[in-house]
Amino acid sequence: MRRLGVERGHGHGSRASSLSLSLSLNQHRWQSAKFTRGPEFAPVAKRLVAAKASYQEIKQIAGVPWFVIAVVHQREALQRWDCSIAQDDPSTKV
């Protein structure tokens, strides 16, 4: 089967070649990527970084990088500490 110009085989080199091609294509994608949004994210990013210490405390318990926790918290609860990230419900209703 051919995919992205690389034949998939059973030899040792086929996986390495496929990985090498994927890395090369992804590097090209990142280098040619252009921002389509920007300034509107700055206030959110600043708020999340301002709360970094709190997210780092959670990181110690959860073992998840603080910035992942911050983004999930923003996405699911708008960085409200009184809400559950599971359902965006107030923590008094959980």
N, C-alpha and C. Protein backbone atom coordinates (compact mmCIF):
# COMPACT_ATOMS: atom_id res chain seq x y z
N MET A 1 0.85 -1.18 0.00
CA MET A 1 0.00 0.00 0.00
C MET A 1 0.89 1.24 0.00
N ARG A 2 0.56 2.17 -0.85
CA ARG A 2 1.33 3.42 -0.90
C ARG A 2 0.56 4.52 -0.18
N ARG A 3 1.27 5.21 0.63
CA ARG A 3 0.66 6.34 1.34
C ARG A 3 1.73 7.41 1.50
N LEU A 4 1.44 8.59 1.09
CA LEU A 4 2.38 9.71 1.15
C LEU A 4 3.67 9.41 0.42
N GLY A 5 3.58 8.57 -0.62
CA GLY A 5 4.75 8.28 -1.43
C GLY A 5 5.70 7.28 -0.82
N VAL A 6 5.31 6.60 0.24
CA VAL A 6 6.18 5.62 0.89
C VAL A 6 5.47 4.28 0.88
N GLU A 7 6.17 3.27 0.46
CA GLU A 7 5.57 1.93 0.48
C GLU A 7 5.72 1.36 1.87
N ARG A 8 4.67 0.76 2.36
CA ARG A 8 4.73 0.11 3.66
C ARG A 8 5.15 -1.33 3.44
N GLY A 9 6.21 -1.70 4.10
CA GLY A 9 6.71 -3.05 3.95
C GLY A 9 6.89 -3.70 5.31
N HIS A 10 7.56 -4.81 5.30
CA HIS A 10 7.75 -5.55 6.54
C HIS A 10 9.18 -5.48 7.05
N GLY A 11 10.06 -4.79 6.33
CA GLY A 11 11.45 -4.71 6.75
C GLY A 11 11.64 -3.68 7.84
N HIS A 12 12.83 -3.69 8.41
CA HIS A 12 13.13 -2.75 9.50
C HIS A 12 13.15 -1.31 9.01
N GLY A 13 13.59 -1.10 7.77
CA GLY A 13 13.72 0.26 7.25
C GLY A 13 12.39 0.92 6.94
N SER A 14 11.35 0.15 6.71
CA SER A 14 10.08 0.76 6.30
C SER A 14 9.48 1.62 7.40
N ARG A 15 9.55 1.18 8.62
CA ARG A 15 9.02 1.99 9.73
C ARG A 15 9.86 3.24 9.92
N ALA A 16 11.16 3.07 9.87
CA ALA A 16 12.04 4.22 10.03
C ALA A 16 11.83 5.21 8.89
N SER A 17 11.66 4.72 7.67
CA SER A 17 11.43 5.60 6.53
C SER A 17 10.11 6.34 6.69
N SER A 18 9.09 5.63 7.14
CA SER A 18 7.78 6.24 7.33
C SER A 18 7.84 7.31 8.42
N LEU A 19 8.54 7.01 9.51
CA LEU A 19 8.68 7.97 10.59
C LEU A 19 9.48 9.18 10.11
N SER A 20 10.55 8.91 9.38
CA SER A 20 11.38 9.98 8.85
C SER A 20 10.57 10.89 7.93
N LEU A 21 9.76 10.30 7.06
CA LEU A 21 8.92 11.09 6.17
C LEU A 21 7.91 11.91 6.96
N SER A 22 7.28 11.29 7.96
CA SER A 22 6.30 12.01 8.80
C SER A 22 6.95 13.20 9.49
N LEU A 23 8.13 12.97 10.05
CA LEU A 23 8.84 14.06 10.73
C LEU A 23 9.17 15.19 9.75
N SER A 24 9.61 14.82 8.56
CA SER A 24 9.95 15.81 7.55
C SER A 24 8.72 16.61 7.12
N LEU A 25 7.62 15.91 6.87
CA LEU A 25 6.38 16.59 6.46
C LEU A 25 5.86 17.50 7.56
N ASN A 26 5.92 17.02 8.81
CA ASN A 26 5.44 17.85 9.92
C ASN A 26 6.32 19.07 10.12
N GLN A 27 7.64 18.90 9.95
CA GLN A 27 8.54 20.04 10.07
C GLN A 27 8.20 21.08 9.01
N HIS A 28 7.94 20.61 7.80
CA HIS A 28 7.56 21.53 6.71
C HIS A 28 6.24 22.24 7.04
N ARG A 29 5.27 21.49 7.58
CA ARG A 29 3.98 22.10 7.94
C ARG A 29 4.16 23.20 8.98
N TRP A 30 4.97 22.93 10.01
CA TRP A 30 5.20 23.92 11.05
C TRP A 30 5.90 25.15 10.49
N GLN A 31 6.88 24.93 9.61
CA GLN A 31 7.62 26.05 9.04
C GLN A 31 6.75 26.92 8.13
N SER A 32 5.76 26.32 7.49
CA SER A 32 4.92 27.10 6.58
C SER A 32 3.59 27.53 7.22
N ALA A 33 3.38 27.17 8.49
CA ALA A 33 2.14 27.54 9.17
C ALA A 33 2.08 29.06 9.39
N LYS A 34 0.88 29.59 9.31
CA LYS A 34 0.67 31.01 9.53
C LYS A 34 -0.42 31.19 10.58
N PHE A 35 -0.21 32.15 11.46
CA PHE A 35 -1.22 32.44 12.47
C PHE A 35 -2.45 33.02 11.80
N THR A 36 -3.61 32.53 12.16
CA THR A 36 -4.85 33.09 11.66
C THR A 36 -5.58 33.86 12.76
N ARG A 37 -5.10 33.72 13.96
CA ARG A 37 -5.64 34.45 15.11
C ARG A 37 -4.46 34.86 15.96
N GLY A 38 -4.68 35.72 16.86
CA GLY A 38 -3.55 36.11 17.68
C GLY A 38 -3.90 36.97 18.85
N PRO A 39 -4.11 38.27 18.62
CA PRO A 39 -4.26 39.20 19.73
C PRO A 39 -5.38 38.82 20.70
N GLU A 40 -6.43 38.19 20.21
CA GLU A 40 -7.54 37.87 21.11
C GLU A 40 -7.17 36.80 22.14
N PHE A 41 -6.07 36.09 21.91
CA PHE A 41 -5.67 35.05 22.86
C PHE A 41 -4.75 35.58 23.96
N ALA A 42 -4.18 36.74 23.76
CA ALA A 42 -3.23 37.29 24.73
C ALA A 42 -3.82 37.44 26.13
N PRO A 43 -5.02 38.01 26.30
CA PRO A 43 -5.55 38.15 27.66
C PRO A 43 -5.77 36.79 28.34
N VAL A 44 -6.24 35.82 27.58
CA VAL A 44 -6.45 34.47 28.15
C VAL A 44 -5.12 33.88 28.55
N ALA A 45 -4.14 33.96 27.68
CA ALA A 45 -2.81 33.41 27.98
C ALA A 45 -2.22 34.07 29.22
N LYS A 46 -2.36 35.37 29.33
CA LYS A 46 -1.83 36.07 30.51
C LYS A 46 -2.51 35.61 31.79
N ARG A 47 -3.82 35.40 31.74
CA ARG A 47 -4.55 34.90 32.93
C ARG A 47 -4.06 33.51 33.32
N LEU A 48 -3.88 32.65 32.32
CA LEU A 48 -3.44 31.28 32.60
C LEU A 48 -2.03 31.27 33.19
N VAL A 49 -1.15 32.07 32.64
CA VAL A 49 0.22 32.14 33.16
C VAL A 49 0.22 32.76 34.56
N ALA A 50 -0.65 33.71 34.81
CA ALA A 50 -0.74 34.32 36.14
C ALA A 50 -1.14 33.30 37.20
N ALA A 51 -1.88 32.27 36.79
CA ALA A 51 -2.33 31.22 37.72
C ALA A 51 -1.40 30.00 37.69
N LYS A 52 -0.23 30.15 37.10
CA LYS A 52 0.70 29.03 36.92
C LYS A 52 1.00 28.30 38.23
N ALA A 53 1.19 29.03 39.30
CA ALA A 53 1.51 28.40 40.60
C ALA A 53 0.41 27.43 41.03
N SER A 54 -0.84 27.82 40.83
CA SER A 54 -1.96 26.94 41.18
C SER A 54 -1.97 25.69 40.31
N TYR A 55 -1.73 25.89 39.02
CA TYR A 55 -1.71 24.75 38.10
C TYR A 55 -0.52 23.83 38.40
N GLN A 56 0.59 24.40 38.85
CA GLN A 56 1.74 23.57 39.19
C GLN A 56 1.46 22.71 40.42
N GLU A 57 0.67 23.22 41.35
CA GLU A 57 0.27 22.41 42.51
C GLU A 57 -0.56 21.21 42.04
N ILE A 58 -1.47 21.45 41.12
CA ILE A 58 -2.30 20.37 40.58
C ILE A 58 -1.43 19.38 39.81
N LYS A 59 -0.43 19.89 39.11
CA LYS A 59 0.50 19.04 38.36
C LYS A 59 1.17 18.03 39.27
N GLN A 60 1.54 18.46 40.47
CA GLN A 60 2.20 17.56 41.41
C GLN A 60 1.30 16.38 41.79
N ILE A 61 0.02 16.60 41.84
CA ILE A 61 -0.93 15.54 42.18
C ILE A 61 -1.29 14.71 40.95
N ALA A 62 -1.57 15.39 39.85
CA ALA A 62 -2.08 14.71 38.65
C ALA A 62 -0.99 14.15 37.74
N GLY A 63 0.21 14.72 37.81
CA GLY A 63 1.28 14.27 36.94
C GLY A 63 1.09 14.72 35.49
N VAL A 64 0.32 15.77 35.29
CA VAL A 64 0.05 16.31 33.96
C VAL A 64 0.71 17.68 33.90
N PRO A 65 1.35 18.04 32.78
CA PRO A 65 1.99 19.36 32.70
C PRO A 65 1.02 20.50 33.03
N TRP A 66 1.52 21.50 33.75
CA TRP A 66 0.66 22.57 34.23
C TRP A 66 -0.09 23.27 33.09
N PHE A 67 0.58 23.45 31.95
CA PHE A 67 -0.05 24.19 30.85
C PHE A 67 -1.19 23.39 30.22
N VAL A 68 -1.12 22.07 30.28
CA VAL A 68 -2.23 21.23 29.79
C VAL A 68 -3.42 21.40 30.72
N ILE A 69 -3.15 21.37 32.01
CA ILE A 69 -4.22 21.57 33.00
C ILE A 69 -4.85 22.95 32.81
N ALA A 70 -4.02 23.95 32.59
CA ALA A 70 -4.52 25.32 32.41
C ALA A 70 -5.43 25.43 31.19
N VAL A 71 -5.01 24.85 30.08
CA VAL A 71 -5.81 24.94 28.86
C VAL A 71 -7.12 24.18 29.01
N VAL A 72 -7.08 23.00 29.62
CA VAL A 72 -8.31 22.24 29.84
C VAL A 72 -9.23 23.02 30.78
N HIS A 73 -8.66 23.59 31.83
CA HIS A 73 -9.46 24.38 32.77
C HIS A 73 -10.12 25.57 32.08
N GLN A 74 -9.38 26.24 31.20
CA GLN A 74 -9.95 27.36 30.44
C GLN A 74 -11.05 26.87 29.51
N ARG A 75 -10.77 25.79 28.81
CA ARG A 75 -11.71 25.27 27.81
C ARG A 75 -13.01 24.78 28.45
N GLU A 76 -12.89 24.10 29.56
CA GLU A 76 -14.06 23.45 30.16
C GLU A 76 -14.77 24.28 31.22
N ALA A 77 -14.07 25.21 31.87
CA ALA A 77 -14.70 25.96 32.96
C ALA A 77 -14.38 27.45 32.91
N LEU A 78 -13.84 27.92 31.79
CA LEU A 78 -13.49 29.33 31.64
C LEU A 78 -12.63 29.83 32.80
N GLN A 79 -11.78 28.96 33.28
CA GLN A 79 -10.84 29.21 34.38
C GLN A 79 -11.56 29.62 35.67
N ARG A 80 -12.77 29.14 35.81
CA ARG A 80 -13.51 29.39 37.06
C ARG A 80 -13.17 28.29 38.05
N TRP A 81 -12.67 28.68 39.21
CA TRP A 81 -12.24 27.71 40.22
C TRP A 81 -13.41 27.13 40.98
N ASP A 82 -14.59 27.71 40.81
CA ASP A 82 -15.76 27.19 41.50
C ASP A 82 -16.58 26.24 40.61
N CYS A 83 -16.04 25.87 39.45
CA CYS A 83 -16.74 24.97 38.52
C CYS A 83 -15.97 23.67 38.33
N SER A 84 -16.70 22.64 38.00
CA SER A 84 -16.10 21.36 37.64
C SER A 84 -15.70 21.40 36.18
N ILE A 85 -14.50 20.93 35.87
CA ILE A 85 -14.11 20.91 34.46
C ILE A 85 -14.83 19.81 33.70
N ALA A 86 -15.49 18.92 34.44
CA ALA A 86 -16.22 17.83 33.76
C ALA A 86 -17.51 18.32 33.12
N GLN A 87 -18.20 19.26 33.77
CA GLN A 87 -19.50 19.67 33.25
C GLN A 87 -19.75 21.17 33.31
N ASP A 88 -18.78 21.92 33.76
CA ASP A 88 -18.92 23.36 33.90
C ASP A 88 -20.01 23.73 34.91
N ASP A 89 -20.33 22.79 35.79
CA ASP A 89 -21.30 23.08 36.84
C ASP A 89 -20.58 23.69 38.04
N PRO A 90 -21.26 24.54 38.78
CA PRO A 90 -20.66 25.04 40.02
C PRO A 90 -20.28 23.86 40.92
N SER A 91 -19.18 23.99 41.63
CA SER A 91 -18.72 22.88 42.47
C SER A 91 -19.71 22.56 43.59
N THR A 92 -20.60 23.48 43.92
CA THR A 92 -21.61 23.21 44.94
C THR A 92 -22.70 22.28 44.40
N LYS A 93 -22.75 22.08 43.09
CA LYS A 93 -23.77 21.23 42.47
C LYS A 93 -23.22 19.87 42.04
N VAL A 94 -21.93 19.63 42.26
CA VAL A 94 -21.31 18.38 41.83
C VAL A 94 -21.63 17.27 42.78
